[in-house]
N, C-alpha and C. Protein backbone atom coordinates (compact mmCIF):
# COMPACT_ATOMS: atom_id res chain seq x y z
N MET A 1 -48.93 14.32 -58.62
CA MET A 1 -48.08 14.53 -57.44
C MET A 1 -48.09 15.77 -57.36
N HIS A 2 -48.29 15.83 -55.48
CA HIS A 2 -48.63 16.83 -55.03
C HIS A 2 -47.04 17.75 -54.23
N TRP A 3 -46.41 18.43 -54.52
CA TRP A 3 -45.70 19.03 -53.69
C TRP A 3 -46.05 20.15 -53.22
N ASN A 4 -45.67 20.70 -51.56
CA ASN A 4 -45.48 22.37 -51.10
C ASN A 4 -44.46 21.84 -50.00
N ARG A 5 -44.75 23.19 -49.48
CA ARG A 5 -43.70 23.49 -48.09
C ARG A 5 -42.96 21.94 -47.43
N SER A 6 -43.86 21.67 -46.97
CA SER A 6 -43.16 20.63 -46.15
C SER A 6 -43.78 18.98 -46.59
N ARG A 7 -44.97 19.16 -47.73
CA ARG A 7 -45.28 17.74 -47.42
C ARG A 7 -45.54 17.54 -48.85
N PHE A 8 -45.93 15.93 -49.57
CA PHE A 8 -45.40 15.68 -50.92
C PHE A 8 -46.59 14.38 -50.70
N SER A 9 -47.55 14.46 -51.67
CA SER A 9 -48.45 12.94 -51.66
C SER A 9 -48.63 13.00 -52.99
N CYS A 10 -49.42 11.77 -53.71
CA CYS A 10 -49.85 11.10 -54.76
C CYS A 10 -50.89 10.53 -54.41
N ILE A 11 -51.98 10.87 -55.38
CA ILE A 11 -52.94 9.89 -55.18
C ILE A 11 -53.02 8.91 -56.41
N TYR A 12 -53.72 7.81 -56.37
CA TYR A 12 -53.51 6.79 -58.08
C TYR A 12 -55.39 6.33 -58.01
N LYS A 13 -55.86 6.56 -58.93
CA LYS A 13 -57.02 6.07 -59.11
C LYS A 13 -57.30 5.51 -60.24
N TRP A 14 -57.31 4.07 -60.40
CA TRP A 14 -57.15 3.32 -61.24
C TRP A 14 -56.31 3.69 -62.57
N ARG A 15 -55.29 3.69 -62.42
CA ARG A 15 -54.18 3.36 -62.41
C ARG A 15 -53.38 4.74 -62.65
N TYR A 16 -53.93 5.55 -62.50
CA TYR A 16 -54.07 6.75 -62.92
C TYR A 16 -53.65 7.99 -62.05
N ALA A 17 -52.64 9.12 -61.82
CA ALA A 17 -51.92 9.93 -60.65
C ALA A 17 -53.05 11.04 -60.58
N LYS A 18 -54.11 11.14 -59.67
CA LYS A 18 -55.02 12.52 -59.97
C LYS A 18 -54.50 13.78 -59.76
N LYS A 19 -54.92 14.66 -60.02
CA LYS A 19 -53.95 16.24 -60.20
C LYS A 19 -54.37 16.66 -58.80
N PRO A 20 -54.09 17.86 -58.00
CA PRO A 20 -54.41 18.31 -56.71
C PRO A 20 -55.79 19.41 -57.49
N ILE A 21 -55.38 19.39 -58.47
CA ILE A 21 -57.02 21.00 -59.04
C ILE A 21 -58.03 19.86 -58.92
N GLN A 22 -57.61 19.21 -59.30
CA GLN A 22 -59.03 17.61 -58.95
C GLN A 22 -59.91 17.70 -57.81
N ASN A 23 -58.80 17.50 -56.90
CA ASN A 23 -59.22 16.89 -55.17
C ASN A 23 -58.29 18.07 -54.43
N PRO A 24 -59.01 19.05 -54.13
CA PRO A 24 -58.75 20.05 -53.08
C PRO A 24 -58.16 19.88 -52.20
N GLY A 25 -58.53 18.33 -51.42
CA GLY A 25 -58.06 17.52 -50.05
C GLY A 25 -56.95 16.39 -50.50
N PHE A 26 -56.05 17.14 -51.23
CA PHE A 26 -55.33 16.35 -51.22
C PHE A 26 -54.15 16.10 -50.14
N GLU A 27 -53.40 17.19 -49.69
CA GLU A 27 -52.69 17.39 -48.75
C GLU A 27 -52.10 16.76 -47.49
N LEU A 28 -51.64 15.15 -47.08
CA LEU A 28 -51.35 14.54 -45.99
C LEU A 28 -51.70 15.65 -44.63
N GLY A 29 -51.13 16.53 -44.87
CA GLY A 29 -51.20 17.45 -43.51
C GLY A 29 -52.65 17.66 -43.01
N HIS A 30 -53.22 17.88 -43.64
CA HIS A 30 -55.04 17.16 -43.68
C HIS A 30 -55.80 16.12 -43.47
N MET A 31 -55.23 15.32 -43.05
CA MET A 31 -55.78 13.99 -42.90
C MET A 31 -55.95 13.77 -41.08
N VAL A 32 -57.27 13.99 -40.73
CA VAL A 32 -57.60 14.48 -39.47
C VAL A 32 -57.26 13.05 -39.00
N ILE A 33 -56.30 13.14 -37.55
CA ILE A 33 -55.78 12.28 -36.88
C ILE A 33 -56.12 12.14 -34.90
N ASP A 34 -57.19 13.37 -35.15
CA ASP A 34 -57.49 13.92 -33.90
C ASP A 34 -59.39 14.64 -34.22
N LYS A 35 -60.15 13.68 -33.87
CA LYS A 35 -61.58 14.49 -34.29
C LYS A 35 -61.53 15.81 -33.45
N ASN A 36 -61.04 15.31 -32.43
CA ASN A 36 -61.42 16.20 -31.46
C ASN A 36 -60.32 17.48 -31.24
N GLY A 37 -59.41 17.34 -31.67
CA GLY A 37 -58.11 18.24 -31.88
C GLY A 37 -58.46 19.65 -31.81
N ILE A 38 -57.29 20.76 -32.10
CA ILE A 38 -57.47 21.73 -32.33
C ILE A 38 -57.70 21.72 -33.62
N LYS A 39 -58.36 23.12 -33.91
CA LYS A 39 -58.64 24.05 -35.51
C LYS A 39 -57.71 23.65 -36.07
N CYS A 40 -58.23 23.42 -37.10
CA CYS A 40 -56.81 23.71 -38.47
C CYS A 40 -57.09 24.88 -39.20
N ASN A 41 -56.57 25.46 -39.55
CA ASN A 41 -57.05 26.37 -40.76
C ASN A 41 -58.00 26.34 -42.08
N CYS A 42 -57.79 24.77 -42.39
CA CYS A 42 -58.36 24.29 -43.50
C CYS A 42 -60.00 24.17 -42.57
N GLY A 43 -60.50 24.00 -42.10
CA GLY A 43 -61.85 23.80 -41.00
C GLY A 43 -62.05 23.62 -40.09
N LYS A 44 -60.88 22.03 -40.40
CA LYS A 44 -61.25 20.80 -39.91
C LYS A 44 -60.75 20.67 -38.08
N ASN A 45 -60.85 19.61 -37.42
CA ASN A 45 -59.94 19.72 -36.32
C ASN A 45 -59.42 18.14 -36.39
N GLY A 46 -58.12 19.13 -35.68
CA GLY A 46 -57.09 17.77 -35.69
C GLY A 46 -57.00 16.89 -36.53
N CYS A 47 -56.30 18.19 -38.50
CA CYS A 47 -55.56 17.69 -38.76
C CYS A 47 -54.14 17.18 -38.91
N TYR A 48 -53.29 16.73 -39.09
CA TYR A 48 -52.08 16.01 -38.84
C TYR A 48 -50.75 17.39 -39.00
N GLU A 49 -51.37 18.72 -39.78
CA GLU A 49 -50.43 19.32 -39.68
C GLU A 49 -50.40 20.84 -38.08
N THR A 50 -52.06 20.64 -37.28
CA THR A 50 -52.07 21.03 -36.02
C THR A 50 -50.26 20.00 -34.78
N PHE A 51 -51.05 19.29 -35.71
CA PHE A 51 -49.54 18.69 -34.20
C PHE A 51 -48.33 18.71 -34.68
N ALA A 52 -48.28 18.45 -36.54
CA ALA A 52 -46.98 18.55 -37.02
C ALA A 52 -45.83 19.58 -37.78
N SER A 53 -46.72 20.56 -37.43
CA SER A 53 -46.27 21.78 -38.85
C SER A 53 -45.45 22.50 -37.52
N MET A 54 -44.56 23.17 -38.32
CA MET A 54 -43.36 24.33 -37.68
C MET A 54 -44.28 25.81 -36.73
N LYS A 55 -45.31 26.04 -37.51
CA LYS A 55 -45.78 27.15 -36.77
C LYS A 55 -46.73 26.77 -35.66
N ARG A 56 -46.82 25.48 -35.84
CA ARG A 56 -47.99 24.30 -34.08
C ARG A 56 -47.01 24.82 -32.74
N PHE A 57 -45.87 23.80 -33.51
CA PHE A 57 -44.25 23.73 -32.60
C PHE A 57 -43.76 25.18 -31.82
N LYS A 58 -43.64 25.82 -33.03
CA LYS A 58 -43.28 27.30 -32.80
C LYS A 58 -44.71 28.13 -31.80
N ALA A 59 -45.75 27.99 -31.89
CA ALA A 59 -47.04 28.22 -31.28
C ALA A 59 -47.07 27.65 -29.77
N ARG A 60 -47.14 27.06 -29.38
CA ARG A 60 -46.56 25.35 -28.41
C ARG A 60 -45.62 25.20 -27.52
N ALA A 61 -44.65 26.05 -28.34
CA ALA A 61 -43.15 26.37 -27.33
C ALA A 61 -43.45 28.01 -26.40
N ILE A 62 -43.97 28.77 -27.67
CA ILE A 62 -43.98 30.00 -26.84
C ILE A 62 -45.10 29.71 -25.45
N GLU A 63 -46.74 28.91 -26.47
CA GLU A 63 -47.52 28.97 -24.39
C GLU A 63 -46.24 28.18 -23.97
N GLU A 64 -45.39 26.89 -23.62
CA GLU A 64 -45.41 26.25 -22.90
C GLU A 64 -44.07 26.88 -21.70
N LEU A 65 -43.69 27.80 -22.72
CA LEU A 65 -42.31 28.30 -22.13
C LEU A 65 -42.39 29.40 -21.34
N GLY A 66 -43.97 30.42 -22.43
CA GLY A 66 -44.58 31.34 -21.30
C GLY A 66 -43.26 32.64 -22.35
N LEU A 67 -42.94 32.30 -23.51
CA LEU A 67 -42.51 33.51 -24.28
C LEU A 67 -43.60 34.17 -24.32
N ASP A 68 -43.11 35.55 -25.04
CA ASP A 68 -43.44 36.75 -25.82
C ASP A 68 -43.95 35.98 -27.28
N LYS A 69 -44.57 36.16 -27.77
CA LYS A 69 -45.57 35.97 -28.87
C LYS A 69 -45.06 36.41 -30.18
N ASN A 70 -44.03 38.03 -29.66
CA ASN A 70 -43.74 38.51 -31.35
C ASN A 70 -42.67 38.09 -31.55
N LEU A 71 -41.92 36.75 -30.86
CA LEU A 71 -40.84 36.56 -31.27
C LEU A 71 -40.81 35.42 -32.53
N LEU A 72 -40.00 35.81 -33.53
CA LEU A 72 -39.58 35.37 -34.63
C LEU A 72 -39.05 33.47 -34.26
N GLY A 73 -39.62 32.26 -35.22
CA GLY A 73 -39.65 31.27 -35.24
C GLY A 73 -37.74 30.84 -34.43
N GLU A 74 -36.75 31.53 -35.10
CA GLU A 74 -35.51 31.68 -35.24
C GLU A 74 -34.79 31.77 -33.80
N GLU A 75 -35.75 32.70 -33.02
CA GLU A 75 -35.46 33.32 -32.33
C GLU A 75 -35.77 32.52 -30.68
N VAL A 76 -37.03 31.53 -31.27
CA VAL A 76 -37.11 30.28 -30.31
C VAL A 76 -36.95 29.27 -30.23
N GLN A 77 -36.52 28.79 -31.42
CA GLN A 77 -35.64 27.72 -31.41
C GLN A 77 -34.05 27.74 -30.55
N ASN A 78 -33.23 29.46 -31.06
CA ASN A 78 -31.97 29.82 -30.26
C ASN A 78 -32.87 29.20 -28.86
N TYR A 79 -33.43 29.95 -28.10
CA TYR A 79 -34.27 30.13 -27.11
C TYR A 79 -34.00 28.47 -26.30
N ILE A 80 -34.74 27.41 -26.90
CA ILE A 80 -34.97 26.26 -26.61
C ILE A 80 -33.61 26.27 -26.35
N ARG A 81 -32.29 25.90 -27.73
CA ARG A 81 -31.15 24.72 -27.82
C ARG A 81 -30.60 25.49 -26.59
N LYS A 82 -30.97 27.06 -25.62
CA LYS A 82 -29.93 27.38 -24.57
C LYS A 82 -30.29 27.04 -23.61
N ILE A 83 -31.38 26.43 -23.07
CA ILE A 83 -31.73 25.63 -21.78
C ILE A 83 -32.07 23.86 -21.77
């Protein structure tokens, strides 16, 4: 089983759970859902993480709402709650 900040995954092969060290592409967040999508920090385009991560949510909110790029995530959330 592999656990990181926001995702959990486990891959079985021949009835045995594989270790993430043996399988570096283990994170579900790096499953490509749009091959023409945004470039991910893993190097691929359109990973699930580029659509659903808090980092992407913050960046998109700042972009769409024309906010200061130096705002903290909590400040962005507070701004959104007010509108």
